[in-house]
N, C-alpha and C. Protein backbone atom coordinates (compact mmCIF):
# COMPACT_ATOMS: atom_id res chain seq x y z
N MET A 1 62.56 160.69 93.57
CA MET A 1 63.82 161.11 93.12
C MET A 1 64.60 159.83 92.87
N GLY A 2 64.87 159.39 91.78
CA GLY A 2 65.65 158.18 91.54
C GLY A 2 67.04 158.49 91.11
N ILE A 3 67.98 157.71 91.67
CA ILE A 3 69.33 157.82 91.28
C ILE A 3 69.71 156.74 90.24
N LEU A 4 70.02 157.20 89.05
CA LEU A 4 70.52 156.41 87.97
C LEU A 4 72.01 156.34 87.96
N LEU A 5 72.48 154.97 88.05
CA LEU A 5 73.85 154.95 87.92
C LEU A 5 74.27 154.53 86.63
N THR A 6 75.25 155.21 85.95
CA THR A 6 75.60 154.86 84.61
C THR A 6 76.77 153.92 84.79
N GLU A 7 77.27 153.40 83.68
CA GLU A 7 78.26 152.52 83.64
C GLU A 7 79.60 153.16 84.22
N GLU A 8 79.84 154.40 83.91
CA GLU A 8 81.07 155.11 84.39
C GLU A 8 80.96 155.24 85.93
N THR A 9 79.94 155.59 86.55
CA THR A 9 79.97 155.75 87.94
C THR A 9 79.82 154.43 88.70
N MET A 10 79.21 153.52 88.09
CA MET A 10 79.08 152.21 88.79
C MET A 10 80.37 151.41 89.03
N PHE A 11 81.32 151.55 88.11
CA PHE A 11 82.56 150.88 88.23
C PHE A 11 83.76 151.81 88.55
N GLY A 12 83.47 152.95 88.99
CA GLY A 12 84.59 153.89 89.34
C GLY A 12 85.31 154.37 88.07
N GLY A 13 84.67 154.48 86.95
CA GLY A 13 85.46 155.00 85.74
C GLY A 13 85.94 153.88 84.89
N MET A 14 85.96 152.50 85.42
CA MET A 14 86.37 151.34 84.61
C MET A 14 85.24 150.86 83.72
N SER A 15 85.66 150.41 82.63
CA SER A 15 84.57 149.80 81.73
C SER A 15 84.10 148.42 82.12
N ALA A 16 83.07 148.07 81.82
CA ALA A 16 82.47 146.74 82.18
C ALA A 16 83.26 145.58 81.66
N GLY A 17 83.91 145.80 80.52
CA GLY A 17 84.69 144.77 79.98
C GLY A 17 85.91 144.42 80.74
N LEU A 18 86.57 145.55 81.30
CA LEU A 18 87.80 145.34 82.03
C LEU A 18 87.36 144.69 83.42
N VAL A 19 86.28 145.10 83.96
CA VAL A 19 85.85 144.37 85.19
C VAL A 19 85.55 143.01 84.95
N MET A 20 85.00 142.58 83.92
CA MET A 20 84.71 141.24 83.59
C MET A 20 85.91 140.36 83.37
N VAL A 21 87.03 141.03 82.72
CA VAL A 21 88.33 140.31 82.55
C VAL A 21 89.00 140.09 83.91
N ILE A 22 88.89 141.05 84.72
CA ILE A 22 89.52 140.96 86.14
C ILE A 22 88.71 139.81 86.94
N TYR A 23 87.44 139.80 86.87
CA TYR A 23 86.65 138.68 87.43
C TYR A 23 87.10 137.31 86.86
N ILE A 24 87.22 137.24 85.68
CA ILE A 24 87.63 135.91 85.09
C ILE A 24 89.00 135.50 85.48
N ALA A 25 89.96 136.43 85.53
CA ALA A 25 91.22 136.26 86.03
C ALA A 25 91.28 135.70 87.52
N LEU A 26 90.46 136.44 88.34
CA LEU A 26 90.48 136.07 89.71
C LEU A 26 89.79 134.51 89.79
N ILE A 27 88.83 134.27 89.08
CA ILE A 27 88.22 132.95 89.14
C ILE A 27 89.25 131.89 88.73
N PHE A 28 89.90 132.09 87.56
CA PHE A 28 90.90 131.18 87.06
C PHE A 28 92.08 130.91 88.12
N GLY A 29 92.50 132.12 88.66
CA GLY A 29 93.48 132.04 89.80
C GLY A 29 93.07 131.18 90.94
N PHE A 30 91.82 131.39 91.40
CA PHE A 30 91.29 130.48 92.41
C PHE A 30 91.13 129.09 92.07
N VAL A 31 90.73 128.70 90.94
CA VAL A 31 90.77 127.35 90.42
C VAL A 31 92.08 126.72 90.26
N TYR A 32 93.04 127.47 89.95
CA TYR A 32 94.41 126.98 89.78
C TYR A 32 94.96 126.66 91.14
N PHE A 33 94.80 127.51 92.13
CA PHE A 33 95.47 127.37 93.34
C PHE A 33 94.67 126.36 94.22
N ALA A 34 93.33 126.22 93.94
CA ALA A 34 92.52 125.34 94.75
C ALA A 34 92.49 123.92 94.41
N SER A 35 92.67 123.63 92.84
CA SER A 35 92.60 122.32 92.45
C SER A 35 93.74 121.87 91.54
N ILE A 36 94.21 122.54 90.65
CA ILE A 36 95.19 122.16 89.67
C ILE A 36 96.55 122.12 90.38
N ARG A 37 97.06 123.07 91.11
CA ARG A 37 98.26 123.02 91.67
C ARG A 37 98.40 121.82 92.74
N PRO A 38 97.55 121.59 93.64
CA PRO A 38 97.71 120.52 94.51
C PRO A 38 97.69 119.18 93.85
N GLN A 39 96.98 118.97 92.77
CA GLN A 39 96.90 117.80 92.03
C GLN A 39 98.35 117.46 91.34
N LYS A 40 98.92 118.55 90.80
CA LYS A 40 100.28 118.32 90.31
C LYS A 40 101.21 118.05 91.30
N LYS A 41 101.05 118.59 92.51
CA LYS A 41 102.02 118.30 93.56
C LYS A 41 101.93 116.89 93.99
N GLU A 42 100.70 116.35 94.08
CA GLU A 42 100.40 114.85 94.38
C GLU A 42 100.94 113.91 93.34
N GLN A 43 100.82 114.35 92.09
CA GLN A 43 101.41 113.48 91.01
C GLN A 43 102.95 113.39 90.98
N LYS A 44 103.57 114.50 91.39
CA LYS A 44 105.04 114.41 91.61
C LYS A 44 105.42 113.57 92.67
N ARG A 45 104.66 113.54 93.95
CA ARG A 45 104.92 112.87 95.07
C ARG A 45 104.79 111.41 94.69
N VAL A 46 103.69 110.90 93.99
CA VAL A 46 103.52 109.54 93.66
C VAL A 46 104.56 109.11 92.73
N GLY A 47 104.94 110.03 91.74
CA GLY A 47 105.95 109.61 90.83
C GLY A 47 107.27 109.30 91.47
N ALA A 48 107.56 110.18 92.41
CA ALA A 48 108.89 110.03 93.08
C ALA A 48 108.82 108.71 93.93
N MET A 49 107.66 108.48 94.54
CA MET A 49 107.40 107.21 95.40
C MET A 49 107.73 105.93 94.53
N LEU A 50 107.03 105.90 93.33
CA LEU A 50 107.10 104.85 92.47
C LEU A 50 108.49 104.63 91.79
N ALA A 51 109.26 105.79 91.62
CA ALA A 51 110.64 105.68 91.06
C ALA A 51 111.56 105.13 92.15
N SER A 52 111.35 105.36 93.47
CA SER A 52 112.15 104.95 94.47
C SER A 52 111.92 103.53 94.98
N MET A 53 111.04 102.80 94.41
CA MET A 53 110.74 101.51 94.84
C MET A 53 111.99 100.53 94.55
N GLU A 54 112.26 99.69 95.52
CA GLU A 54 113.35 98.60 95.34
C GLU A 54 112.72 97.24 95.71
N ILE A 55 113.42 96.18 95.25
CA ILE A 55 113.09 94.83 95.61
C ILE A 55 113.23 94.72 97.09
N GLY A 56 112.17 94.10 97.71
CA GLY A 56 112.24 93.84 99.08
C GLY A 56 111.33 94.86 99.97
N ASP A 57 110.93 95.91 99.32
CA ASP A 57 110.08 96.88 99.95
C ASP A 57 108.72 96.43 100.18
N SER A 58 108.12 96.78 101.24
CA SER A 58 106.67 96.47 101.57
C SER A 58 105.86 97.47 100.92
N VAL A 59 104.75 97.01 100.35
CA VAL A 59 103.92 97.87 99.57
C VAL A 59 102.46 97.60 100.03
N LEU A 60 101.71 98.62 99.76
CA LEU A 60 100.10 98.56 99.96
C LEU A 60 99.70 98.85 98.66
N THR A 61 98.82 98.03 98.16
CA THR A 61 98.24 98.14 96.82
C THR A 61 96.90 99.11 96.95
N THR A 62 96.39 99.61 95.81
CA THR A 62 95.11 100.36 95.82
C THR A 62 93.98 99.49 96.22
N SER A 63 94.04 98.16 96.12
CA SER A 63 92.88 97.34 96.56
C SER A 63 92.94 97.07 97.97
N GLY A 64 94.09 97.34 98.78
CA GLY A 64 94.17 97.22 100.16
C GLY A 64 95.07 96.08 100.64
N PHE A 65 95.75 95.39 99.70
CA PHE A 65 96.62 94.21 100.08
C PHE A 65 97.90 94.66 100.37
N TYR A 66 98.57 94.13 101.37
CA TYR A 66 99.97 94.34 101.73
C TYR A 66 100.72 93.28 101.19
N GLY A 67 101.93 93.59 100.66
CA GLY A 67 102.83 92.62 100.09
C GLY A 67 104.25 93.14 99.99
N VAL A 68 105.10 92.17 99.50
CA VAL A 68 106.58 92.46 99.33
C VAL A 68 106.85 92.52 97.84
N LEU A 69 107.62 93.43 97.34
CA LEU A 69 108.08 93.46 95.91
C LEU A 69 109.15 92.37 95.67
N ILE A 70 108.84 91.66 94.76
CA ILE A 70 109.77 90.64 94.32
C ILE A 70 110.58 91.03 93.00
N ASP A 71 109.87 91.64 92.07
CA ASP A 71 110.57 91.94 90.80
C ASP A 71 110.00 93.24 90.32
N ILE A 72 110.87 94.15 89.63
CA ILE A 72 110.34 95.40 89.15
C ILE A 72 110.83 95.62 87.72
N SER A 73 109.89 95.86 86.83
CA SER A 73 110.35 96.06 85.35
C SER A 73 109.74 97.47 85.07
N ASP A 74 109.81 97.90 83.81
CA ASP A 74 109.43 99.24 83.48
C ASP A 74 108.20 99.81 83.90
N ASP A 75 106.98 99.05 83.76
CA ASP A 75 105.71 99.58 84.06
C ASP A 75 105.02 98.49 84.92
N THR A 76 105.55 97.26 85.20
CA THR A 76 104.80 96.29 86.04
C THR A 76 105.84 95.93 87.28
N VAL A 77 105.19 95.34 88.29
CA VAL A 77 105.91 94.76 89.43
C VAL A 77 105.27 93.56 89.80
N ILE A 78 106.07 92.61 90.52
CA ILE A 78 105.57 91.40 90.97
C ILE A 78 105.56 91.46 92.45
N VAL A 79 104.37 91.36 93.03
CA VAL A 79 104.21 91.40 94.42
C VAL A 79 103.90 89.98 95.15
N GLU A 80 104.60 89.74 96.24
CA GLU A 80 104.29 88.51 96.90
C GLU A 80 103.32 88.82 98.17
N PHE A 81 102.33 87.99 98.20
CA PHE A 81 101.31 88.44 99.38
C PHE A 81 101.33 87.29 100.29
N GLY A 82 101.39 87.51 101.63
CA GLY A 82 101.21 86.67 102.75
C GLY A 82 102.50 85.83 102.83
N ASN A 83 102.37 84.66 103.70
CA ASN A 83 103.57 83.98 103.91
C ASN A 83 103.71 82.84 102.80
N ASN A 84 102.74 82.59 102.09
CA ASN A 84 102.72 81.62 101.05
C ASN A 84 103.66 82.09 99.84
N LYS A 85 104.82 81.41 99.50
CA LYS A 85 105.71 81.97 98.64
C LYS A 85 105.14 81.67 97.20
N ASN A 86 104.13 80.99 97.05
CA ASN A 86 103.55 80.79 95.78
C ASN A 86 102.59 81.74 95.27
N CYS A 87 102.26 82.75 96.20
CA CYS A 87 101.28 83.74 95.91
C CYS A 87 101.89 84.98 95.38
N ARG A 88 102.29 84.94 94.15
CA ARG A 88 102.95 86.13 93.46
C ARG A 88 102.04 86.67 92.43
N VAL A 89 101.81 87.93 92.44
CA VAL A 89 100.98 88.55 91.54
C VAL A 89 101.52 89.69 90.80
N PRO A 90 101.62 89.59 89.39
CA PRO A 90 102.06 90.77 88.62
C PRO A 90 101.10 91.85 88.50
N MET A 91 101.45 93.11 88.67
CA MET A 91 100.49 94.26 88.62
C MET A 91 101.20 95.53 88.02
N GLN A 92 100.45 96.44 87.70
CA GLN A 92 100.93 97.63 87.25
C GLN A 92 101.53 98.49 88.38
N LYS A 93 102.55 99.32 88.06
CA LYS A 93 103.04 100.20 89.14
C LYS A 93 102.16 101.13 89.73
N SER A 94 101.27 101.55 88.92
CA SER A 94 100.24 102.56 89.26
C SER A 94 99.19 101.99 90.27
N ALA A 95 99.21 100.63 90.52
CA ALA A 95 98.31 99.97 91.54
C ALA A 95 98.89 100.00 93.01
N ILE A 96 100.23 100.64 93.11
CA ILE A 96 100.86 100.78 94.34
C ILE A 96 100.55 101.98 94.94
N ALA A 97 99.84 101.94 96.22
CA ALA A 97 99.44 103.17 96.90
C ALA A 97 100.44 103.75 97.87
N GLN A 98 101.23 102.83 98.51
CA GLN A 98 102.17 103.18 99.50
C GLN A 98 103.42 102.27 99.53
N VAL A 99 104.46 102.78 99.69
CA VAL A 99 105.73 102.05 99.79
C VAL A 99 106.45 102.26 101.14
N GLU A 100 106.71 101.15 101.84
CA GLU A 100 107.50 101.30 103.10
C GLU A 100 108.89 100.48 102.81
N LYS A 101 109.95 101.24 102.96
CA LYS A 101 111.34 100.76 102.71
C LYS A 101 111.71 99.50 103.66
N ALA A 102 112.45 98.65 103.20
CA ALA A 102 112.72 97.35 103.76
C ALA A 102 113.53 97.68 105.13
N GLY A 103 114.38 98.62 105.19
CA GLY A 103 115.17 98.84 106.34
C GLY A 103 114.50 99.62 107.42
N GLU A 104 113.32 100.26 107.19
CA GLU A 104 112.64 101.07 108.16
C GLU A 104 111.70 100.26 109.10
């Protein structure tokens, strides 16, 4: 004696297409809250950090070097590394990983 489930009884009266749409919506919601939303939050944090940079702040570059900001323009900064006042390197603002304010 075999029990045959029809589409109507298998999904409690819902059609298979509606169940598929619900599954896709759930998967999209999970992906949004698991990856897209935190990434946007991190981009806002980095943008605020880069906008708040001032001359004299200590910075950490993405390559791991610590330095002091000497000059800031639209999309580039000049960073002075070490005690040698002649070691000044221009770089993009996006190469700054961390900023520590001068007064802190």
